[in-house]
Amino acid sequence: MKLSVFLLSPKKKKKIIKNEKKTVKKVSLFKNYGFIETVGAGIAQVKGLFNVKAGELVRIYPFNILALALNLGEKRVGLVLCGSERFVNQNDIVSITGKLISIPINPNILGTVIDPLGFNLMTNQTLSGSGTVIVPVEQGAPDIISRQPIFEPLLTGLTVIDSLVPIGRGQRELIIGDRQTGKPLLLLMLF
């Protein structure tokens, strides 16, 4: 088709190129939107949403219900609804927000009950004010170097075990010993 464009008059060539640009804009617009295909048991299957990322929040219209994109497929995206399922219907429009699921945290969070999106369940508002920090819910584990070392011995109270087996206490428990010496059995006896 590109070769035939060069054989046309300049006026028709401009018109075809202009139409191609409009088509590209429309296609990129639909990559950020989709529509609900099925809803059930708090999960919605969405067709479209080609630019969505795993763990990203999406918004379902017309009731502005948030959902979490988890199951990414070639043709469909599986969403976990963060609101009531009765407000979500087939063919509702879904758009991406570009944000991962995160919670606002400040000193006012003490003594309150919040949902996974950070809404205060008592006042039904989000936390705001000075000193508010947005913390993502899904974070990678810290690397081994930055973790606290094992620096304190754990005493069981049994003199035989404390003298024979060194047990360290830190961010994780540590029992030093060779294979086939009964370390799991020791843990079962202690706890």
N, C-alpha and C. Protein backbone atom coordinates (compact mmCIF):
# COMPACT_ATOMS: atom_id res chain seq x y z
N MET A 1 0.82 -1.20 0.00
CA MET A 1 0.00 0.00 0.00
C MET A 1 0.87 1.26 0.00
N LYS A 2 2.02 1.20 0.64
CA LYS A 2 2.90 2.36 0.70
C LYS A 2 3.40 2.75 -0.70
N LEU A 3 3.66 1.77 -1.55
CA LEU A 3 4.13 2.06 -2.90
C LEU A 3 3.07 2.77 -3.71
N SER A 4 1.80 2.38 -3.52
CA SER A 4 0.73 3.01 -4.29
C SER A 4 0.50 4.44 -3.84
N VAL A 5 0.86 4.81 -2.63
CA VAL A 5 0.71 6.19 -2.16
C VAL A 5 1.61 7.12 -2.96
N PHE A 6 2.78 6.66 -3.32
CA PHE A 6 3.71 7.51 -4.06
C PHE A 6 3.26 7.75 -5.50
N LEU A 7 2.40 6.91 -6.03
CA LEU A 7 1.92 7.08 -7.39
C LEU A 7 0.73 8.03 -7.47
N LEU A 8 0.17 8.45 -6.33
CA LEU A 8 -1.00 9.34 -6.30
C LEU A 8 -0.58 10.80 -6.41
N SER A 9 -1.57 11.63 -6.63
CA SER A 9 -1.31 13.07 -6.68
C SER A 9 -0.95 13.56 -5.27
N PRO A 10 -0.25 14.70 -5.19
CA PRO A 10 0.15 15.21 -3.87
C PRO A 10 -1.04 15.51 -2.96
N LYS A 11 -2.15 15.94 -3.51
CA LYS A 11 -3.33 16.27 -2.71
C LYS A 11 -3.90 15.00 -2.05
N LYS A 12 -4.03 13.93 -2.84
CA LYS A 12 -4.55 12.68 -2.29
C LYS A 12 -3.55 12.05 -1.33
N LYS A 13 -2.27 12.22 -1.63
CA LYS A 13 -1.23 11.68 -0.75
C LYS A 13 -1.33 12.30 0.64
N LYS A 14 -1.50 13.64 0.72
CA LYS A 14 -1.64 14.33 2.00
C LYS A 14 -2.87 13.84 2.75
N LYS A 15 -3.96 13.62 2.03
CA LYS A 15 -5.20 13.17 2.65
C LYS A 15 -5.03 11.77 3.26
N ILE A 16 -4.36 10.87 2.54
CA ILE A 16 -4.15 9.51 3.04
C ILE A 16 -3.23 9.53 4.26
N ILE A 17 -2.16 10.31 4.21
CA ILE A 17 -1.23 10.39 5.34
C ILE A 17 -1.92 10.98 6.56
N LYS A 18 -2.78 11.98 6.34
CA LYS A 18 -3.53 12.59 7.44
C LYS A 18 -4.46 11.56 8.08
N ASN A 19 -5.14 10.75 7.28
CA ASN A 19 -6.03 9.71 7.80
C ASN A 19 -5.25 8.64 8.57
N GLU A 20 -4.04 8.31 8.07
CA GLU A 20 -3.22 7.32 8.79
C GLU A 20 -2.82 7.85 10.16
N LYS A 21 -2.46 9.14 10.26
CA LYS A 21 -2.10 9.73 11.56
C LYS A 21 -3.27 9.70 12.52
N LYS A 22 -4.48 10.01 12.03
CA LYS A 22 -5.67 9.95 12.89
C LYS A 22 -5.91 8.54 13.38
N THR A 23 -5.73 7.56 12.50
CA THR A 23 -5.93 6.16 12.88
C THR A 23 -4.93 5.75 13.96
N VAL A 24 -3.67 6.16 13.82
CA VAL A 24 -2.65 5.83 14.82
C VAL A 24 -3.01 6.45 16.16
N LYS A 25 -3.51 7.69 16.17
CA LYS A 25 -3.92 8.33 17.42
C LYS A 25 -5.07 7.58 18.06
N LYS A 26 -6.04 7.14 17.26
CA LYS A 26 -7.18 6.41 17.80
C LYS A 26 -6.74 5.08 18.38
N VAL A 27 -5.84 4.39 17.71
CA VAL A 27 -5.37 3.09 18.20
C VAL A 27 -4.62 3.26 19.51
N SER A 28 -3.75 4.29 19.62
CA SER A 28 -3.03 4.50 20.87
C SER A 28 -3.97 4.92 21.99
N LEU A 29 -5.08 5.59 21.66
CA LEU A 29 -6.06 5.96 22.67
C LEU A 29 -6.72 4.72 23.24
N PHE A 30 -7.01 3.73 22.39
CA PHE A 30 -7.68 2.52 22.84
C PHE A 30 -6.75 1.58 23.60
N LYS A 31 -5.46 1.81 23.56
CA LYS A 31 -4.54 0.98 24.34
C LYS A 31 -4.68 1.27 25.83
N ASN A 32 -5.18 2.45 26.20
CA ASN A 32 -5.33 2.82 27.60
C ASN A 32 -6.74 2.56 28.12
N TYR A 33 -7.65 2.12 27.27
CA TYR A 33 -9.03 1.89 27.65
C TYR A 33 -9.45 0.49 27.26
N GLY A 34 -10.47 -0.01 27.94
CA GLY A 34 -11.04 -1.30 27.63
C GLY A 34 -12.47 -1.35 28.10
N PHE A 35 -13.09 -2.51 27.98
CA PHE A 35 -14.46 -2.66 28.46
C PHE A 35 -14.59 -4.02 29.15
N ILE A 36 -15.50 -4.07 30.11
CA ILE A 36 -15.67 -5.28 30.91
C ILE A 36 -16.43 -6.31 30.11
N GLU A 37 -15.88 -7.51 30.09
CA GLU A 37 -16.51 -8.61 29.37
C GLU A 37 -17.37 -9.46 30.31
N THR A 38 -16.81 -9.87 31.46
CA THR A 38 -17.56 -10.63 32.45
C THR A 38 -17.20 -10.16 33.85
N VAL A 39 -18.15 -10.33 34.78
CA VAL A 39 -17.93 -9.98 36.18
C VAL A 39 -18.49 -11.12 37.03
N GLY A 40 -17.75 -11.51 38.06
CA GLY A 40 -18.24 -12.52 38.97
C GLY A 40 -17.25 -12.81 40.07
N ALA A 41 -17.75 -12.98 41.30
CA ALA A 41 -16.94 -13.33 42.48
C ALA A 41 -15.82 -12.32 42.74
N GLY A 42 -16.07 -11.04 42.50
CA GLY A 42 -15.08 -10.00 42.76
C GLY A 42 -14.00 -9.89 41.73
N ILE A 43 -14.14 -10.61 40.62
CA ILE A 43 -13.14 -10.58 39.55
C ILE A 43 -13.82 -10.17 38.25
N ALA A 44 -13.20 -9.28 37.51
CA ALA A 44 -13.73 -8.84 36.23
C ALA A 44 -12.72 -9.17 35.14
N GLN A 45 -13.23 -9.65 34.01
CA GLN A 45 -12.40 -9.89 32.84
C GLN A 45 -12.61 -8.73 31.87
N VAL A 46 -11.52 -8.10 31.46
CA VAL A 46 -11.58 -6.90 30.63
C VAL A 46 -10.92 -7.17 29.29
N LYS A 47 -11.55 -6.72 28.25
CA LYS A 47 -10.97 -6.81 26.91
C LYS A 47 -10.41 -5.42 26.59
N GLY A 48 -9.21 -5.38 26.12
CA GLY A 48 -8.54 -4.11 25.87
C GLY A 48 -7.44 -3.90 26.89
N LEU A 49 -7.17 -2.66 27.27
CA LEU A 49 -6.14 -2.29 28.25
C LEU A 49 -4.77 -2.89 27.88
N PHE A 50 -4.28 -2.56 26.70
CA PHE A 50 -3.04 -3.14 26.22
C PHE A 50 -1.81 -2.55 26.91
N ASN A 51 -1.93 -1.37 27.52
CA ASN A 51 -0.78 -0.74 28.18
C ASN A 51 -0.77 -0.94 29.69
N VAL A 52 -1.63 -1.78 30.23
CA VAL A 52 -1.72 -1.95 31.68
C VAL A 52 -0.54 -2.79 32.17
N LYS A 53 -0.10 -2.51 33.41
CA LYS A 53 1.00 -3.24 34.03
C LYS A 53 0.45 -4.10 35.16
N ALA A 54 1.17 -5.12 35.53
CA ALA A 54 0.74 -5.99 36.64
C ALA A 54 0.80 -5.19 37.94
N GLY A 55 -0.25 -5.27 38.73
CA GLY A 55 -0.32 -4.55 39.99
C GLY A 55 -0.77 -3.11 39.87
N GLU A 56 -1.17 -2.69 38.67
CA GLU A 56 -1.59 -1.31 38.45
C GLU A 56 -3.07 -1.14 38.81
N LEU A 57 -3.40 0.03 39.33
CA LEU A 57 -4.79 0.34 39.61
C LEU A 57 -5.48 0.82 38.34
N VAL A 58 -6.68 0.34 38.11
CA VAL A 58 -7.49 0.80 36.99
C VAL A 58 -8.81 1.32 37.53
N ARG A 59 -9.45 2.20 36.77
CA ARG A 59 -10.70 2.82 37.19
C ARG A 59 -11.83 2.34 36.28
N ILE A 60 -12.95 1.94 36.91
CA ILE A 60 -14.11 1.46 36.16
C ILE A 60 -15.19 2.53 36.23
N TYR A 61 -15.66 2.94 35.06
CA TYR A 61 -16.68 3.98 34.97
C TYR A 61 -18.04 3.34 34.76
N PRO A 62 -19.14 3.91 35.16
CA PRO A 62 -19.41 5.29 35.57
C PRO A 62 -19.33 5.52 37.08
N PHE A 63 -19.06 4.48 37.91
CA PHE A 63 -19.10 4.66 39.36
C PHE A 63 -17.72 4.86 39.99
N ASN A 64 -16.67 5.02 39.18
CA ASN A 64 -15.31 5.26 39.66
C ASN A 64 -14.84 4.20 40.65
N ILE A 65 -15.06 2.96 40.34
CA ILE A 65 -14.61 1.87 41.20
C ILE A 65 -13.20 1.50 40.79
N LEU A 66 -12.34 1.32 41.78
CA LEU A 66 -10.95 0.95 41.50
C LEU A 66 -10.82 -0.56 41.49
N ALA A 67 -9.88 -1.05 40.68
CA ALA A 67 -9.59 -2.47 40.59
C ALA A 67 -8.09 -2.64 40.40
N LEU A 68 -7.62 -3.82 40.71
CA LEU A 68 -6.20 -4.12 40.62
C LEU A 68 -5.97 -5.11 39.49
N ALA A 69 -5.13 -4.76 38.54
CA ALA A 69 -4.84 -5.62 37.39
C ALA A 69 -3.82 -6.67 37.80
N LEU A 70 -4.22 -7.93 37.74
CA LEU A 70 -3.32 -9.00 38.14
C LEU A 70 -3.03 -10.01 37.04
N ASN A 71 -4.06 -10.50 36.38
CA ASN A 71 -3.89 -11.55 35.39
C ASN A 71 -3.81 -10.92 34.00
N LEU A 72 -2.61 -10.79 33.47
CA LEU A 72 -2.41 -10.16 32.17
C LEU A 72 -2.33 -11.22 31.09
N GLY A 73 -3.24 -11.16 30.13
CA GLY A 73 -3.23 -12.08 29.00
C GLY A 73 -3.09 -11.32 27.70
N GLU A 74 -3.06 -12.06 26.60
CA GLU A 74 -2.93 -11.41 25.29
C GLU A 74 -4.18 -10.64 24.93
N LYS A 75 -5.35 -11.21 25.18
CA LYS A 75 -6.59 -10.57 24.78
C LYS A 75 -7.39 -10.02 25.95
N ARG A 76 -7.19 -10.57 27.15
CA ARG A 76 -7.98 -10.16 28.31
C ARG A 76 -7.07 -9.86 29.49
N VAL A 77 -7.59 -9.02 30.39
CA VAL A 77 -6.91 -8.69 31.63
C VAL A 77 -7.85 -9.04 32.77
N GLY A 78 -7.33 -9.75 33.77
CA GLY A 78 -8.13 -10.08 34.94
C GLY A 78 -7.95 -9.04 36.02
N LEU A 79 -9.06 -8.50 36.53
CA LEU A 79 -9.02 -7.46 37.56
C LEU A 79 -9.63 -7.99 38.84
N VAL A 80 -9.03 -7.61 39.96
CA VAL A 80 -9.63 -7.86 41.27
C VAL A 80 -10.29 -6.56 41.69
N LEU A 81 -11.59 -6.60 41.92
CA LEU A 81 -12.34 -5.39 42.24
C LEU A 81 -12.05 -4.95 43.67
N CYS A 82 -11.83 -3.66 43.86
CA CYS A 82 -11.60 -3.08 45.18
C CYS A 82 -12.85 -2.38 45.70
N GLY A 83 -13.96 -2.59 45.05
CA GLY A 83 -15.23 -2.00 45.45
C GLY A 83 -16.33 -3.03 45.29
N SER A 84 -17.55 -2.58 45.42
CA SER A 84 -18.68 -3.48 45.33
C SER A 84 -18.88 -3.97 43.90
N GLU A 85 -19.14 -5.25 43.79
CA GLU A 85 -19.34 -5.87 42.48
C GLU A 85 -20.68 -5.49 41.86
N ARG A 86 -21.64 -5.09 42.68
CA ARG A 86 -22.97 -4.79 42.14
C ARG A 86 -22.99 -3.52 41.29
N PHE A 87 -21.99 -2.65 41.43
CA PHE A 87 -21.93 -1.44 40.62
C PHE A 87 -21.19 -1.65 39.30
N VAL A 88 -20.61 -2.82 39.11
CA VAL A 88 -19.84 -3.10 37.90
C VAL A 88 -20.67 -3.99 37.00
N ASN A 89 -20.87 -3.56 35.76
CA ASN A 89 -21.69 -4.29 34.81
C ASN A 89 -20.89 -4.59 33.56
N GLN A 90 -21.43 -5.49 32.76
CA GLN A 90 -20.82 -5.83 31.50
C GLN A 90 -20.83 -4.59 30.59
N ASN A 91 -19.78 -4.42 29.80
CA ASN A 91 -19.59 -3.31 28.86
C ASN A 91 -19.30 -1.97 29.54
N ASP A 92 -19.01 -1.94 30.84
CA ASP A 92 -18.55 -0.71 31.48
C ASP A 92 -17.14 -0.39 30.98
N ILE A 93 -16.82 0.90 30.92
CA ILE A 93 -15.52 1.33 30.40
C ILE A 93 -14.49 1.31 31.52
N VAL A 94 -13.28 0.85 31.20
CA VAL A 94 -12.18 0.75 32.15
C VAL A 94 -11.00 1.54 31.59
N SER A 95 -10.34 2.31 32.46
CA SER A 95 -9.15 3.06 32.02
C SER A 95 -8.02 2.83 33.01
N ILE A 96 -6.79 2.94 32.51
CA ILE A 96 -5.63 2.78 33.39
C ILE A 96 -5.37 4.09 34.12
N THR A 97 -4.78 3.99 35.32
CA THR A 97 -4.45 5.18 36.10
C THR A 97 -2.96 5.49 36.07
N GLY A 98 -2.14 4.49 35.77
CA GLY A 98 -0.70 4.70 35.75
C GLY A 98 -0.07 4.61 37.13
N LYS A 99 -0.83 4.22 38.16
CA LYS A 99 -0.33 4.15 39.53
C LYS A 99 -0.38 2.71 40.02
N LEU A 100 0.65 2.33 40.75
CA LEU A 100 0.63 1.05 41.43
C LEU A 100 -0.14 1.20 42.74
N ILE A 101 -0.61 0.10 43.30
CA ILE A 101 -1.39 0.19 44.53
C ILE A 101 -0.47 0.67 45.65
N SER A 102 -0.87 1.74 46.33
CA SER A 102 -0.06 2.35 47.38
C SER A 102 -0.95 2.96 48.45
N ILE A 103 -0.37 3.21 49.60
CA ILE A 103 -1.12 3.72 50.75
C ILE A 103 -0.47 5.01 51.24
N PRO A 104 -1.26 6.07 51.46
CA PRO A 104 -0.70 7.28 52.09
C PRO A 104 -0.54 7.05 53.59
N ILE A 105 0.61 7.40 54.13
CA ILE A 105 0.88 7.19 55.55
C ILE A 105 1.34 8.49 56.17
N ASN A 106 0.76 8.82 57.33
CA ASN A 106 1.19 9.95 58.14
C ASN A 106 0.90 9.64 59.60
N PRO A 107 1.26 10.51 60.53
CA PRO A 107 1.01 10.20 61.95
C PRO A 107 -0.47 10.04 62.30
N ASN A 108 -1.38 10.56 61.50
CA ASN A 108 -2.81 10.42 61.80
C ASN A 108 -3.33 9.01 61.55
N ILE A 109 -2.51 8.13 60.98
CA ILE A 109 -2.96 6.76 60.70
C ILE A 109 -3.07 5.93 61.98
N LEU A 110 -2.39 6.36 63.04
CA LEU A 110 -2.43 5.61 64.29
C LEU A 110 -3.86 5.57 64.85
N GLY A 111 -4.32 4.38 65.18
CA GLY A 111 -5.64 4.21 65.77
C GLY A 111 -6.78 4.20 64.78
N THR A 112 -6.49 4.19 63.48
CA THR A 112 -7.55 4.17 62.47
C THR A 112 -7.55 2.83 61.76
N VAL A 113 -8.65 2.52 61.14
CA VAL A 113 -8.78 1.31 60.35
C VAL A 113 -8.86 1.73 58.89
N ILE A 114 -7.95 1.21 58.07
CA ILE A 114 -7.93 1.58 56.66
C ILE A 114 -8.09 0.33 55.80
N ASP A 115 -8.55 0.54 54.57
CA ASP A 115 -8.64 -0.57 53.62
C ASP A 115 -7.35 -0.62 52.80
N PRO A 116 -7.18 -1.58 51.92
CA PRO A 116 -5.93 -1.69 51.16
C PRO A 116 -5.62 -0.51 50.25
N LEU A 117 -6.59 0.34 49.97
CA LEU A 117 -6.34 1.51 49.14
C LEU A 117 -5.99 2.75 49.96
N GLY A 118 -6.03 2.64 51.28
CA GLY A 118 -5.68 3.76 52.14
C GLY A 118 -6.85 4.61 52.58
N PHE A 119 -8.08 4.18 52.30
CA PHE A 119 -9.26 4.93 52.75
C PHE A 119 -9.53 4.62 54.21
N ASN A 120 -9.77 5.67 55.00
CA ASN A 120 -10.14 5.50 56.39
C ASN A 120 -11.57 4.96 56.44
N LEU A 121 -11.78 3.80 57.03
CA LEU A 121 -13.10 3.18 57.03
C LEU A 121 -14.08 3.89 57.97
N MET A 122 -13.58 4.68 58.91
CA MET A 122 -14.46 5.42 59.83
C MET A 122 -15.04 6.67 59.16
N THR A 123 -14.16 7.41 58.46
CA THR A 123 -14.60 8.67 57.85
C THR A 123 -14.80 8.55 56.34
N ASN A 124 -14.36 7.43 55.75
CA ASN A 124 -14.46 7.17 54.32
C ASN A 124 -13.70 8.22 53.49
N GLN A 125 -12.56 8.68 54.00
CA GLN A 125 -11.71 9.63 53.30
C GLN A 125 -10.28 9.10 53.28
N THR A 126 -9.48 9.63 52.36
CA THR A 126 -8.07 9.25 52.34
C THR A 126 -7.30 10.11 53.33
N LEU A 127 -6.17 9.59 53.76
CA LEU A 127 -5.32 10.35 54.67
C LEU A 127 -4.62 11.46 53.90
N SER A 128 -4.57 12.63 54.48
CA SER A 128 -3.88 13.75 53.85
C SER A 128 -3.33 14.65 54.95
N GLY A 129 -2.59 15.64 54.57
CA GLY A 129 -2.03 16.57 55.52
C GLY A 129 -0.51 16.60 55.40
N SER A 130 0.10 17.32 56.33
CA SER A 130 1.55 17.47 56.28
C SER A 130 2.22 16.17 56.73
N GLY A 131 3.31 15.87 56.13
CA GLY A 131 4.06 14.67 56.49
C GLY A 131 3.51 13.39 55.89
N THR A 132 2.63 13.49 54.90
CA THR A 132 2.07 12.29 54.29
C THR A 132 3.07 11.73 53.28
N VAL A 133 3.31 10.44 53.38
CA VAL A 133 4.23 9.74 52.49
C VAL A 133 3.44 8.64 51.79
N ILE A 134 3.59 8.53 50.47
CA ILE A 134 2.93 7.48 49.70
C ILE A 134 3.86 6.27 49.64
N VAL A 135 3.39 5.15 50.18
CA VAL A 135 4.20 3.93 50.25
C VAL A 135 3.55 2.85 49.39
N PRO A 136 4.27 2.28 48.43
CA PRO A 136 3.68 1.20 47.63
C PRO A 136 3.46 -0.05 48.48
N VAL A 137 2.36 -0.75 48.22
CA VAL A 137 2.05 -1.95 48.99
C VAL A 137 3.00 -3.08 48.62
N GLU A 138 3.25 -3.25 47.33
CA GLU A 138 4.16 -4.30 46.87
C GLU A 138 5.56 -3.72 46.78
N GLN A 139 6.45 -4.20 47.64
CA GLN A 139 7.83 -3.76 47.62
C GLN A 139 8.74 -4.97 47.58
N GLY A 140 9.89 -4.79 47.00
CA GLY A 140 10.87 -5.87 46.98
C GLY A 140 11.50 -6.04 48.35
N ALA A 141 11.91 -7.24 48.65
CA ALA A 141 12.57 -7.52 49.92
C ALA A 141 13.95 -6.87 49.93
N PRO A 142 14.40 -6.39 51.09
CA PRO A 142 15.75 -5.80 51.13
C PRO A 142 16.81 -6.86 50.87
N ASP A 143 17.92 -6.42 50.28
CA ASP A 143 18.97 -7.38 49.99
C ASP A 143 19.65 -7.85 51.28
N ILE A 144 20.43 -8.91 51.18
CA ILE A 144 21.03 -9.55 52.35
C ILE A 144 21.97 -8.60 53.08
N ILE A 145 22.71 -7.79 52.35
CA ILE A 145 23.70 -6.90 52.96
C ILE A 145 23.02 -5.87 53.87
N SER A 146 21.88 -5.33 53.44
CA SER A 146 21.25 -4.26 54.21
C SER A 146 20.42 -4.79 55.39
N ARG A 147 20.23 -6.10 55.50
CA ARG A 147 19.47 -6.64 56.62
C ARG A 147 20.31 -6.62 57.89
N GLN A 148 19.61 -6.65 59.00
CA GLN A 148 20.27 -6.65 60.29
C GLN A 148 20.98 -7.98 60.50
N PRO A 149 22.24 -7.95 60.92
CA PRO A 149 22.96 -9.21 61.11
C PRO A 149 22.47 -9.95 62.36
N ILE A 150 22.80 -11.22 62.43
CA ILE A 150 22.48 -12.02 63.61
C ILE A 150 23.56 -11.72 64.63
N PHE A 151 23.19 -11.06 65.72
CA PHE A 151 24.19 -10.55 66.66
C PHE A 151 23.92 -10.98 68.10
N GLU A 152 22.81 -11.61 68.37
CA GLU A 152 22.43 -11.91 69.74
C GLU A 152 22.13 -13.41 69.86
N PRO A 153 22.67 -14.08 70.89
CA PRO A 153 22.35 -15.50 71.04
C PRO A 153 20.93 -15.70 71.57
N LEU A 154 20.30 -16.76 71.12
CA LEU A 154 18.97 -17.12 71.60
C LEU A 154 19.13 -18.25 72.60
N LEU A 155 18.78 -18.02 73.83
CA LEU A 155 18.91 -19.02 74.88
C LEU A 155 17.57 -19.70 75.08
N THR A 156 17.59 -21.04 75.05
CA THR A 156 16.35 -21.81 75.17
C THR A 156 15.97 -22.08 76.61
N GLY A 157 16.92 -22.00 77.50
CA GLY A 157 16.65 -22.35 78.89
C GLY A 157 17.06 -23.77 79.23
N LEU A 158 17.34 -24.56 78.21
CA LEU A 158 17.83 -25.92 78.42
C LEU A 158 19.35 -25.90 78.29
N THR A 159 20.04 -26.21 79.37
CA THR A 159 21.49 -26.07 79.41
C THR A 159 22.17 -26.96 78.37
N VAL A 160 21.66 -28.15 78.18
CA VAL A 160 22.26 -29.08 77.23
C VAL A 160 22.20 -28.50 75.81
N ILE A 161 21.04 -27.98 75.42
CA ILE A 161 20.89 -27.43 74.07
C ILE A 161 21.67 -26.15 73.91
N ASP A 162 21.65 -25.28 74.93
CA ASP A 162 22.38 -24.01 74.84
C ASP A 162 23.88 -24.23 74.74
N SER A 163 24.40 -25.27 75.36
CA SER A 163 25.85 -25.50 75.31
C SER A 163 26.27 -26.26 74.05
N LEU A 164 25.39 -27.11 73.51
CA LEU A 164 25.77 -27.90 72.34
C LEU A 164 25.50 -27.21 71.01
N VAL A 165 24.36 -26.52 70.89
CA VAL A 165 23.94 -25.97 69.60
C VAL A 165 23.90 -24.45 69.68
N PRO A 166 24.72 -23.75 68.89
CA PRO A 166 24.63 -22.29 68.88
C PRO A 166 23.40 -21.84 68.07
N ILE A 167 22.53 -21.10 68.71
CA ILE A 167 21.34 -20.57 68.05
C ILE A 167 21.45 -19.05 68.11
N GLY A 168 21.38 -18.40 66.93
CA GLY A 168 21.47 -16.94 66.88
C GLY A 168 20.11 -16.31 66.69
N ARG A 169 19.93 -15.11 67.22
CA ARG A 169 18.66 -14.40 67.08
C ARG A 169 18.90 -13.07 66.37
N GLY A 170 18.14 -12.84 65.34
CA GLY A 170 18.24 -11.60 64.59
C GLY A 170 16.97 -11.46 63.79
N GLN A 171 17.11 -11.07 62.54
CA GLN A 171 15.93 -10.96 61.69
C GLN A 171 15.42 -12.34 61.29
N ARG A 172 16.27 -13.31 61.34
CA ARG A 172 15.87 -14.69 61.09
C ARG A 172 16.59 -15.57 62.09
N GLU A 173 16.06 -16.73 62.33
CA GLU A 173 16.68 -17.64 63.30
C GLU A 173 17.76 -18.45 62.60
N LEU A 174 18.74 -18.87 63.35
CA LEU A 174 19.88 -19.57 62.79
C LEU A 174 20.28 -20.70 63.72
N ILE A 175 20.30 -21.88 63.18
CA ILE A 175 20.84 -23.03 63.92
C ILE A 175 21.99 -23.56 63.09
N ILE A 176 23.17 -23.53 63.69
CA ILE A 176 24.36 -23.97 62.98
C ILE A 176 24.57 -25.45 63.24
N GLY A 177 24.82 -26.21 62.18
CA GLY A 177 25.09 -27.64 62.35
C GLY A 177 25.19 -28.31 61.00
N ASP A 178 25.76 -29.51 61.02
CA ASP A 178 25.91 -30.29 59.79
C ASP A 178 24.58 -30.89 59.38
N ARG A 179 24.60 -31.45 58.16
CA ARG A 179 23.41 -32.14 57.69
C ARG A 179 23.20 -33.42 58.50
N GLN A 180 21.94 -33.84 58.56
CA GLN A 180 21.56 -35.08 59.22
C GLN A 180 21.87 -35.08 60.72
N THR A 181 21.81 -33.91 61.37
CA THR A 181 22.05 -33.86 62.81
C THR A 181 20.78 -33.59 63.61
N GLY A 182 19.64 -33.47 62.96
CA GLY A 182 18.38 -33.33 63.68
C GLY A 182 18.01 -31.90 64.03
N LYS A 183 18.39 -30.93 63.20
CA LYS A 183 18.03 -29.53 63.47
C LYS A 183 16.52 -29.29 63.46
N PRO A 184 15.75 -29.84 62.49
CA PRO A 184 14.30 -29.65 62.55
C PRO A 184 13.67 -30.26 63.79
N LEU A 185 14.18 -31.41 64.23
CA LEU A 185 13.66 -32.04 65.44
C LEU A 185 13.91 -31.16 66.65
N LEU A 186 15.06 -30.52 66.68
CA LEU A 186 15.37 -29.59 67.77
C LEU A 186 14.40 -28.43 67.79
N LEU A 187 14.08 -27.90 66.63
CA LEU A 187 13.11 -26.80 66.57
C LEU A 187 11.74 -27.24 67.03
N LEU A 188 11.33 -28.45 66.67
CA LEU A 188 10.04 -28.94 67.12
C LEU A 188 10.00 -29.11 68.64
N MET A 189 11.12 -29.53 69.23
CA MET A 189 11.17 -29.69 70.68
C MET A 189 11.14 -28.34 71.38
N LEU A 190 11.76 -27.32 70.77
CA LEU A 190 11.83 -25.99 71.42
C LEU A 190 10.51 -25.26 71.36
N PHE A 191 9.87 -25.33 70.22
CA PHE A 191 8.69 -24.50 70.04
C PHE A 191 7.50 -25.38 69.98
